[in-house]
Amino acid sequence: MASDELPATLKFLTDAGHLLATSSPETSAFILRHRDELILERELTQPETQKQHVCTCCGHIMILGRGSSMSLKKEKKVKTKDRKIAKPRCGPTKTISCGHCGKVTEVQLPPPAPISRRQTKMNASATSAAKTAPTAAAPKETPQKPNANASSKKRAKSRKAGLQALLDQSKGAKQSGRGLGLSLTDFMQR
């Protein structure tokens, strides 16, 4: 078989195997197994998704819930006091078992991206202020850090002011709305 015919043949065998999967599962498994043998014979690499989708042992299409099962195993953290040797991080392992022959396929998933923490606004403003200030002419002063108790008092004050503004606004709306609607008490007062 010529090398330029191989991709077309593999695509045909894949499509034929999937079309026959429900009507004739044994024929489908035979066709897909033959496709796997062609890939191995030509020393090609099989796509990772195809390894997870079709059993490499019997050629059966693994459909979860129809005999085949899948489980995820997380990498367990090993608590060590001494972390001199940095191990490369591994992601979770996806384990898929074939419902026809029982072969277990394990797929190592990539590790999750490391969590990036953003700097607080105080740190960002402190670094920008340090960059703009001249270092030779300015006398060295220790910057006073805001007291945690003082900042909580400021927050409480602003919250109280906001609530007071809402209360004043609602009182103003009640007084201005009095003249628009008449009630029995309006007639009794006059």
C-alpha atoms as a PDB file:
ATOM      1  CA  MET A   1       0.000   0.000   0.000  1.00  0.00           C
ATOM      2  CA  ALA A   2       1.384   3.407  -0.953  1.00  0.00           C
ATOM      3  CA  SER A   3       2.041   5.908   1.809  1.00  0.00           C
ATOM      4  CA  ASP A   4      -0.320   8.496   0.300  1.00  0.00           C
ATOM      5  CA  GLU A   5      -3.203   5.960   0.372  1.00  0.00           C
ATOM      6  CA  LEU A   6      -2.723   5.204   4.087  1.00  0.00           C
ATOM      7  CA  PRO A   7      -4.567   8.252   5.538  1.00  0.00           C
ATOM      8  CA  ALA A   8      -7.556   7.605   3.275  1.00  0.00           C
ATOM      9  CA  THR A   9      -7.591   3.915   4.270  1.00  0.00           C
ATOM     10  CA  LEU A  10      -7.385   4.752   7.972  1.00  0.00           C
ATOM     11  CA  LYS A  11     -10.216   7.260   7.651  1.00  0.00           C
ATOM     12  CA  PHE A  12     -12.339   4.726   5.771  1.00  0.00           C
ATOM     13  CA  LEU A  13     -11.733   2.018   8.384  1.00  0.00           C
ATOM     14  CA  THR A  14     -12.542   4.454  11.211  1.00  0.00           C
ATOM     15  CA  ASP A  15     -15.778   5.574   9.569  1.00  0.00           C
ATOM     16  CA  ALA A  16     -16.813   2.005   8.718  1.00  0.00           C
ATOM     17  CA  GLY A  17     -16.122   0.839  12.278  1.00  0.00           C
ATOM     18  CA  HIS A  18     -18.222   3.631  13.748  1.00  0.00           C
ATOM     19  CA  LEU A  19     -21.094   3.054  11.326  1.00  0.00           C
ATOM     20  CA  LEU A  20     -21.234  -0.646  12.208  1.00  0.00           C
ATOM     21  CA  ALA A  21     -20.857  -0.117  15.959  1.00  0.00           C
ATOM     22  CA  THR A  22     -24.555  -0.453  16.833  1.00  0.00           C
ATOM     23  CA  SER A  23     -25.749  -2.876  14.144  1.00  0.00           C
ATOM     24  CA  SER A  24     -22.754  -5.249  14.218  1.00  0.00           C
ATOM     25  CA  PRO A  25     -20.407  -4.587  17.150  1.00  0.00           C
ATOM     26  CA  GLU A  26     -18.153  -7.607  16.452  1.00  0.00           C
ATOM     27  CA  THR A  27     -17.559  -6.553  12.846  1.00  0.00           C
ATOM     28  CA  SER A  28     -16.899  -2.996  14.041  1.00  0.00           C
ATOM     29  CA  ALA A  29     -14.358  -4.280  16.562  1.00  0.00           C
ATOM     30  CA  PHE A  30     -12.609  -6.361  13.875  1.00  0.00           C
ATOM     31  CA  ILE A  31     -12.377  -3.371  11.509  1.00  0.00           C
ATOM     32  CA  LEU A  32     -11.042  -1.028  14.189  1.00  0.00           C
ATOM     33  CA  ARG A  33      -8.554  -3.664  15.385  1.00  0.00           C
ATOM     34  CA  HIS A  34      -7.322  -3.990  11.792  1.00  0.00           C
ATOM     35  CA  ARG A  35      -6.961  -0.185  11.713  1.00  0.00           C
ATOM     36  CA  ASP A  36      -4.854  -0.308  14.899  1.00  0.00           C
ATOM     37  CA  GLU A  37      -2.654  -3.018  13.381  1.00  0.00           C
ATOM     38  CA  LEU A  38      -2.049  -0.840  10.314  1.00  0.00           C
ATOM     39  CA  ILE A  39      -1.028   2.061  12.537  1.00  0.00           C
ATOM     40  CA  LEU A  40       1.366  -0.139  14.527  1.00  0.00           C
ATOM     41  CA  GLU A  41       2.760  -1.735  11.363  1.00  0.00           C
ATOM     42  CA  ARG A  42       3.611   1.669   9.871  1.00  0.00           C
ATOM     43  CA  GLU A  43       4.966   2.850  13.246  1.00  0.00           C
ATOM     44  CA  LEU A  44       2.612   5.822  13.359  1.00  0.00           C
ATOM     45  CA  THR A  45       1.442   7.433  16.538  1.00  0.00           C
ATOM     46  CA  GLN A  46      -2.209   7.001  17.335  1.00  0.00           C
ATOM     47  CA  PRO A  47      -4.027  10.156  18.478  1.00  0.00           C
ATOM     48  CA  GLU A  48      -4.648  10.332  22.229  1.00  0.00           C
ATOM     49  CA  THR A  49      -8.387  10.769  21.743  1.00  0.00           C
ATOM     50  CA  GLN A  50      -8.528   7.630  19.615  1.00  0.00           C
ATOM     51  CA  LYS A  51      -6.757   5.645  22.354  1.00  0.00           C
ATOM     52  CA  GLN A  52      -9.433   6.774  24.793  1.00  0.00           C
ATOM     53  CA  HIS A  53     -12.277   6.056  22.384  1.00  0.00           C
ATOM     54  CA  VAL A  54     -11.380   2.643  20.955  1.00  0.00           C
ATOM     55  CA  CYS A  55      -9.931  -0.282  22.922  1.00  0.00           C
ATOM     56  CA  THR A  56      -6.386  -0.971  21.754  1.00  0.00           C
ATOM     57  CA  CYS A  57      -6.699  -4.650  22.640  1.00  0.00           C
ATOM     58  CA  CYS A  58      -9.950  -5.791  20.999  1.00  0.00           C
ATOM     59  CA  GLY A  59     -10.964  -2.798  18.847  1.00  0.00           C
ATOM     60  CA  HIS A  60     -14.286  -2.322  20.619  1.00  0.00           C
ATOM     61  CA  ILE A  61     -15.681   1.237  20.767  1.00  0.00           C
ATOM     62  CA  MET A  62     -15.816   2.121  24.438  1.00  0.00           C
ATOM     63  CA  ILE A  63     -19.112   3.825  25.205  1.00  0.00           C
ATOM     64  CA  LEU A  64     -19.435   4.804  28.834  1.00  0.00           C
ATOM     65  CA  GLY A  65     -22.530   3.299  30.419  1.00  0.00           C
ATOM     66  CA  ARG A  66     -22.657   0.398  27.960  1.00  0.00           C
ATOM     67  CA  GLY A  67     -20.263  -1.921  29.720  1.00  0.00           C
ATOM     68  CA  SER A  68     -17.305   0.431  29.694  1.00  0.00           C
ATOM     69  CA  SER A  69     -16.495   2.551  32.708  1.00  0.00           C
ATOM     70  CA  MET A  70     -14.288   5.524  33.466  1.00  0.00           C
ATOM     71  CA  SER A  71     -12.816   6.830  36.693  1.00  0.00           C
ATOM     72  CA  LEU A  72     -10.555   9.727  37.603  1.00  0.00           C
ATOM     73  CA  LYS A  73      -7.830   9.307  40.191  1.00  0.00           C
ATOM     74  CA  LYS A  74      -6.362  12.443  41.665  1.00  0.00           C
ATOM     75  CA  GLU A  75      -2.711  12.652  42.551  1.00  0.00           C
ATOM     76  CA  LYS A  76      -2.531  12.403  46.309  1.00  0.00           C
ATOM     77  CA  LYS A  77      -0.419  14.985  48.051  1.00  0.00           C
ATOM     78  CA  VAL A  78       2.403  13.547  50.044  1.00  0.00           C
ATOM     79  CA  LYS A  79       3.149  15.728  53.003  1.00  0.00           C
ATOM     80  CA  THR A  80       6.850  15.834  53.601  1.00  0.00           C
ATOM     81  CA  LYS A  81       8.685  18.128  55.907  1.00  0.00           C
ATOM     82  CA  ASP A  82      11.750  18.259  53.722  1.00  0.00           C
ATOM     83  CA  ARG A  83      11.095  19.431  50.167  1.00  0.00           C
ATOM     84  CA  LYS A  84      14.605  19.439  48.789  1.00  0.00           C
ATOM     85  CA  ILE A  85      13.754  17.318  45.761  1.00  0.00           C
ATOM     86  CA  ALA A  86      11.133  19.000  43.593  1.00  0.00           C
ATOM     87  CA  LYS A  87       9.040  16.391  41.819  1.00  0.00           C
ATOM     88  CA  PRO A  88       7.417  17.335  38.540  1.00  0.00           C
ATOM     89  CA  ARG A  89       3.704  17.835  39.069  1.00  0.00           C
ATOM     90  CA  CYS A  90       1.440  15.191  37.609  1.00  0.00           C
ATOM     91  CA  GLY A  91      -2.200  15.662  36.790  1.00  0.00           C
ATOM     92  CA  PRO A  92      -5.030  13.271  37.495  1.00  0.00           C
ATOM     93  CA  THR A  93      -5.148   9.855  35.837  1.00  0.00           C
ATOM     94  CA  LYS A  94      -8.157   8.896  33.728  1.00  0.00           C
ATOM     95  CA  THR A  95      -8.787   5.134  33.855  1.00  0.00           C
ATOM     96  CA  ILE A  96     -11.068   3.638  31.190  1.00  0.00           C
ATOM     97  CA  SER A  97     -11.940  -0.055  31.255  1.00  0.00           C
ATOM     98  CA  CYS A  98     -13.268  -1.854  28.179  1.00  0.00           C
ATOM     99  CA  GLY A  99     -16.629  -3.555  28.673  1.00  0.00           C
ATOM    100  CA  HIS A 100     -15.821  -6.263  26.116  1.00  0.00           C
ATOM    101  CA  CYS A 101     -12.338  -7.548  26.991  1.00  0.00           C
ATOM    102  CA  GLY A 102     -11.732  -5.831  30.343  1.00  0.00           C
ATOM    103  CA  LYS A 103      -8.499  -4.083  29.321  1.00  0.00           C
ATOM    104  CA  VAL A 104      -7.758  -0.990  31.363  1.00  0.00           C
ATOM    105  CA  THR A 105      -6.469   2.089  29.561  1.00  0.00           C
ATOM    106  CA  GLU A 106      -4.823   4.743  31.713  1.00  0.00           C
ATOM    107  CA  VAL A 107      -4.385   8.259  30.409  1.00  0.00           C
ATOM    108  CA  GLN A 108      -2.239  10.762  32.304  1.00  0.00           C
ATOM    109  CA  LEU A 109      -3.887  14.190  32.117  1.00  0.00           C
ATOM    110  CA  PRO A 110      -1.802  17.366  32.290  1.00  0.00           C
ATOM    111  CA  PRO A 111      -1.514  19.037  35.683  1.00  0.00           C
ATOM    112  CA  PRO A 112      -3.727  22.026  36.367  1.00  0.00           C
ATOM    113  CA  ALA A 113      -2.195  25.429  35.848  1.00  0.00           C
ATOM    114  CA  PRO A 114      -0.626  26.934  38.949  1.00  0.00           C
ATOM    115  CA  ILE A 115      -2.716  29.466  40.777  1.00  0.00           C
ATOM    116  CA  SER A 116      -1.526  32.994  40.142  1.00  0.00           C
ATOM    117  CA  ARG A 117      -2.216  35.439  42.905  1.00  0.00           C
ATOM    118  CA  ARG A 118      -2.640  39.113  42.156  1.00  0.00           C
ATOM    119  CA  GLN A 119      -0.852  41.705  44.216  1.00  0.00           C
ATOM    120  CA  THR A 120      -2.951  43.898  46.455  1.00  0.00           C
ATOM    121  CA  LYS A 121      -3.483  47.520  45.542  1.00  0.00           C
ATOM    122  CA  MET A 122      -1.320  48.727  48.421  1.00  0.00           C
ATOM    123  CA  ASN A 123       1.685  46.773  47.145  1.00  0.00           C
ATOM    124  CA  ALA A 124       1.183  48.062  43.605  1.00  0.00           C
ATOM    125  CA  SER A 125       0.881  51.684  44.722  1.00  0.00           C
ATOM    126  CA  ALA A 126       3.907  51.353  47.004  1.00  0.00           C
ATOM    127  CA  THR A 127       6.079  50.042  44.180  1.00  0.00           C
ATOM    128  CA  SER A 128       4.941  52.753  41.758  1.00  0.00           C
ATOM    129  CA  ALA A 129       5.612  55.456  44.378  1.00  0.00           C
ATOM    130  CA  ALA A 130       9.064  54.039  45.012  1.00  0.00           C
ATOM    131  CA  LYS A 131       9.890  54.164  41.319  1.00  0.00           C
ATOM    132  CA  THR A 132       8.884  57.820  40.891  1.00  0.00           C
ATOM    133  CA  ALA A 133      10.536  59.202  44.038  1.00  0.00           C
ATOM    134  CA  PRO A 134      14.132  60.411  43.598  1.00  0.00           C
ATOM    135  CA  THR A 135      16.436  58.427  45.816  1.00  0.00           C
ATOM    136  CA  ALA A 136      19.449  60.767  46.171  1.00  0.00           C
ATOM    137  CA  ALA A 137      17.723  64.062  47.107  1.00  0.00           C
ATOM    138  CA  ALA A 138      14.956  62.745  49.371  1.00  0.00           C
ATOM    139  CA  PRO A 139      15.648  62.231  53.066  1.00  0.00           C
ATOM    140  CA  LYS A 140      14.835  58.769  54.327  1.00  0.00           C
ATOM    141  CA  GLU A 141      11.597  58.699  56.239  1.00  0.00           C
ATOM    142  CA  THR A 142       9.778  55.660  57.479  1.00  0.00           C
ATOM    143  CA  PRO A 143       6.335  55.565  55.880  1.00  0.00           C
ATOM    144  CA  GLN A 144       3.600  55.220  58.447  1.00  0.00           C
ATOM    145  CA  LYS A 145       1.399  52.223  57.861  1.00  0.00           C
ATOM    146  CA  PRO A 146      -2.326  52.781  58.313  1.00  0.00           C
ATOM    147  CA  ASN A 147      -3.584  51.229  61.488  1.00  0.00           C
ATOM    148  CA  ALA A 148      -5.914  48.264  60.923  1.00  0.00           C
ATOM    149  CA  ASN A 149      -8.268  49.596  63.585  1.00  0.00           C
ATOM    150  CA  ALA A 150      -8.414  53.012  61.902  1.00  0.00           C
ATOM    151  CA  SER A 151      -9.262  51.520  58.513  1.00  0.00           C
ATOM    152  CA  SER A 152     -12.128  49.507  60.003  1.00  0.00           C
ATOM    153  CA  LYS A 153     -13.436  52.695  61.637  1.00  0.00           C
ATOM    154  CA  LYS A 154     -13.319  54.451  58.256  1.00  0.00           C
ATOM    155  CA  ARG A 155     -15.256  51.610  56.659  1.00  0.00           C
ATOM    156  CA  ALA A 156     -17.891  51.730  59.400  1.00  0.00           C
ATOM    157  CA  LYS A 157     -18.214  55.506  58.996  1.00  0.00           C
ATOM    158  CA  SER A 158     -18.673  55.285  55.234  1.00  0.00           C
ATOM    159  CA  ARG A 159     -21.216  52.484  55.617  1.00  0.00           C
ATOM    160  CA  LYS A 160     -23.165  54.545  58.158  1.00  0.00           C
ATOM    161  CA  ALA A 161     -23.073  57.587  55.855  1.00  0.00           C
ATOM    162  CA  GLY A 162     -24.363  55.495  52.967  1.00  0.00           C
ATOM    163  CA  LEU A 163     -27.230  54.128  55.038  1.00  0.00           C
ATOM    164  CA  GLN A 164     -28.073  57.620  56.260  1.00  0.00           C
ATOM    165  CA  ALA A 165     -28.182  58.892  52.671  1.00  0.00           C
ATOM    166  CA  LEU A 166     -30.584  56.102  51.709  1.00  0.00           C
ATOM    167  CA  LEU A 167     -32.801  56.900  54.683  1.00  0.00           C
ATOM    168  CA  ASP A 168     -32.881  60.624  53.795  1.00  0.00           C
ATOM    169  CA  GLN A 169     -33.694  59.765  50.200  1.00  0.00           C
ATOM    170  CA  SER A 170     -36.601  57.521  51.181  1.00  0.00           C
ATOM    171  CA  LYS A 171     -37.966  60.209  53.580  1.00  0.00           C
ATOM    172  CA  GLY A 172     -37.772  62.796  50.819  1.00  0.00           C
ATOM    173  CA  ALA A 173     -39.628  60.505  48.435  1.00  0.00           C
ATOM    174  CA  LYS A 174     -42.414  59.972  51.006  1.00  0.00           C
ATOM    175  CA  GLN A 175     -42.844  63.685  51.623  1.00  0.00           C
ATOM    176  CA  SER A 176     -42.868  64.640  47.970  1.00  0.00           C
ATOM    177  CA  GLY A 177     -45.296  61.825  47.177  1.00  0.00           C
ATOM    178  CA  ARG A 178     -47.818  63.032  49.780  1.00  0.00           C
ATOM    179  CA  GLY A 179     -49.496  65.595  47.577  1.00  0.00           C
ATOM    180  CA  LEU A 180     -50.024  63.279  44.671  1.00  0.00           C
ATOM    181  CA  GLY A 181     -52.249  60.656  46.270  1.00  0.00           C
ATOM    182  CA  LEU A 182     -55.150  61.459  48.545  1.00  0.00           C
ATOM    183  CA  SER A 183     -56.280  59.251  51.355  1.00  0.00           C
ATOM    184  CA  LEU A 184     -58.970  59.416  54.032  1.00  0.00           C
ATOM    185  CA  THR A 185     -56.515  60.837  56.565  1.00  0.00           C
ATOM    186  CA  ASP A 186     -55.782  63.754  54.218  1.00  0.00           C
ATOM    187  CA  PHE A 187     -59.459  64.792  54.278  1.00  0.00           C
ATOM    188  CA  MET A 188     -59.785  64.369  58.037  1.00  0.00           C
ATOM    189  CA  GLN A 189     -56.798  66.624  58.767  1.00  0.00           C
ATOM    190  CA  ARG A 190     -58.247  69.586  56.828  1.00  0.00           C
END
